[in-house]
């Protein structure tokens, strides 16, 4: 159990869980770190890793929500340009997988008309 008061501690634990393919534990560690992600860089790291963890668990709606949340609002500062590009590269396969899943899920047809 981690009782750190720094975002970095929680993120490192979550990254370790992610690398070990323990995605639910990665998500849980990041959820406890939300209040500690006080700047744009920490928020990017929180939402992008959690989004990738959700994608690995095939929880597509949660993955998209978090990966979109990882994109900073408003104008993109030069130091975040690369991180934004990396986020968009990660988001594209998730959207593709979701579209394939919805294409084969006929209950989605009924739900969306």
Protein backbone atom coordinates (compact mmCIF):
# COMPACT_ATOMS: atom_id res chain seq x y z
CA UNK A 1 0.00 0.00 0.00
CA UNK A 2 1.29 3.42 -0.94
CA UNK A 3 0.67 6.46 1.24
CA UNK A 4 2.88 8.93 -0.62
CA UNK A 5 1.91 12.55 -0.86
CA UNK A 6 3.64 13.10 -4.20
CA UNK A 7 2.16 12.36 -7.59
CA UNK A 8 5.43 10.83 -8.77
CA UNK A 9 5.17 8.00 -6.21
CA UNK A 10 1.72 6.98 -7.38
CA UNK A 11 2.62 7.32 -11.04
CA UNK A 12 5.73 5.14 -10.62
CA UNK A 13 3.67 2.47 -8.88
CA UNK A 14 1.02 2.64 -11.62
CA UNK A 15 3.69 2.43 -14.34
CA UNK A 16 5.14 -0.65 -12.66
CA UNK A 17 1.70 -2.27 -12.57
CA UNK A 18 1.13 -1.30 -16.21
CA UNK A 19 4.46 -2.80 -17.27
CA UNK A 20 3.49 -6.01 -15.43
CA UNK A 21 0.14 -6.04 -17.27
CA UNK A 22 -1.72 -5.56 -13.97
CA UNK A 23 -3.97 -2.94 -15.52
CA UNK A 24 -6.71 -2.79 -12.84
CA UNK A 25 -4.04 -2.09 -10.21
CA UNK A 26 -2.53 0.62 -12.44
CA UNK A 27 -5.94 2.27 -12.74
CA UNK A 28 -6.50 2.09 -8.97
CA UNK A 29 -3.09 3.64 -8.24
CA UNK A 30 -3.80 6.48 -10.65
CA UNK A 31 -7.27 7.10 -9.24
CA UNK A 32 -5.72 7.72 -5.83
CA UNK A 33 -3.30 10.20 -7.45
CA UNK A 34 -5.90 12.42 -9.14
CA UNK A 35 -5.85 15.04 -6.38
CA UNK A 36 -2.06 15.19 -6.56
CA UNK A 37 -1.94 15.87 -10.31
CA UNK A 38 -1.92 19.62 -9.86
CA UNK A 39 -0.27 20.78 -13.08
CA UNK A 40 -0.67 20.06 -16.79
CA UNK A 41 2.33 17.74 -16.96
CA UNK A 42 1.10 15.54 -14.08
CA UNK A 43 -2.43 15.51 -15.51
CA UNK A 44 -1.05 14.43 -18.88
CA UNK A 45 0.84 11.54 -17.27
CA UNK A 46 -2.14 10.52 -15.13
CA UNK A 47 -4.75 10.52 -17.89
CA UNK A 48 -2.56 9.05 -20.62
CA UNK A 49 -1.34 6.09 -18.51
CA UNK A 50 -4.80 5.47 -17.10
CA UNK A 51 -6.28 5.72 -20.60
CA UNK A 52 -3.77 3.19 -21.90
CA UNK A 53 -4.57 0.91 -18.95
CA UNK A 54 -8.28 1.10 -19.74
CA UNK A 55 -7.51 0.36 -23.40
CA UNK A 56 -5.49 -2.70 -22.39
CA UNK A 57 -8.57 -3.88 -20.45
CA UNK A 58 -10.72 -3.10 -23.52
CA UNK A 59 -12.74 -0.51 -21.60
CA UNK A 60 -12.90 1.69 -24.67
CA UNK A 61 -15.18 4.47 -23.44
CA UNK A 62 -13.04 5.01 -20.33
CA UNK A 63 -9.87 4.85 -22.44
CA UNK A 64 -11.11 7.50 -24.84
CA UNK A 65 -12.33 9.73 -22.03
CA UNK A 66 -8.97 9.65 -20.24
CA UNK A 67 -6.85 9.94 -23.37
CA UNK A 68 -8.87 12.97 -24.45
CA UNK A 69 -8.53 14.41 -20.94
CA UNK A 70 -4.76 14.09 -21.27
CA UNK A 71 -4.80 16.71 -24.02
CA UNK A 72 -4.31 20.12 -22.40
CA UNK A 73 -7.17 22.58 -22.89
CA UNK A 74 -6.66 25.72 -24.94
CA UNK A 75 -3.45 26.63 -26.66
CA UNK A 76 -0.76 24.01 -26.58
CA UNK A 77 2.51 25.21 -25.13
CA UNK A 78 5.66 24.26 -27.09
CA UNK A 79 6.89 21.90 -24.36
CA UNK A 80 3.64 19.92 -24.52
CA UNK A 81 3.53 19.67 -28.34
CA UNK A 82 5.46 16.39 -28.38
CA UNK A 83 3.34 14.95 -25.56
CA UNK A 84 0.17 15.94 -27.43
CA UNK A 85 1.40 14.22 -30.58
CA UNK A 86 2.27 11.10 -28.57
CA UNK A 87 -1.20 11.13 -27.00
CA UNK A 88 -2.91 11.38 -30.38
CA UNK A 89 -0.81 8.50 -31.70
CA UNK A 90 -1.97 6.40 -28.74
CA UNK A 91 -5.59 7.47 -29.17
CA UNK A 92 -5.91 6.48 -32.83
CA UNK A 93 -5.70 2.69 -32.25
CA UNK A 94 -8.21 2.95 -29.41
CA UNK A 95 -10.71 4.69 -31.69
CA UNK A 96 -10.07 2.05 -34.34
CA UNK A 97 -10.64 -0.82 -31.88
CA UNK A 98 -13.83 0.83 -30.62
CA UNK A 99 -15.15 1.26 -34.15
CA UNK A 100 -14.43 -2.40 -34.95
CA UNK A 101 -16.10 -3.49 -31.73
CA UNK A 102 -19.18 -1.36 -32.42
CA UNK A 103 -19.33 -2.59 -36.02
CA UNK A 104 -19.70 -6.16 -34.79
CA UNK A 105 -21.98 -5.34 -31.86
CA UNK A 106 -25.53 -5.28 -33.17
CA UNK A 107 -26.87 -4.13 -29.80
CA UNK A 108 -24.96 -0.89 -30.45
CA UNK A 109 -27.00 -0.46 -33.66
CA UNK A 110 -30.19 -0.61 -31.63
CA UNK A 111 -28.83 1.79 -29.03
CA UNK A 112 -27.68 4.38 -31.56
CA UNK A 113 -30.58 4.08 -33.97
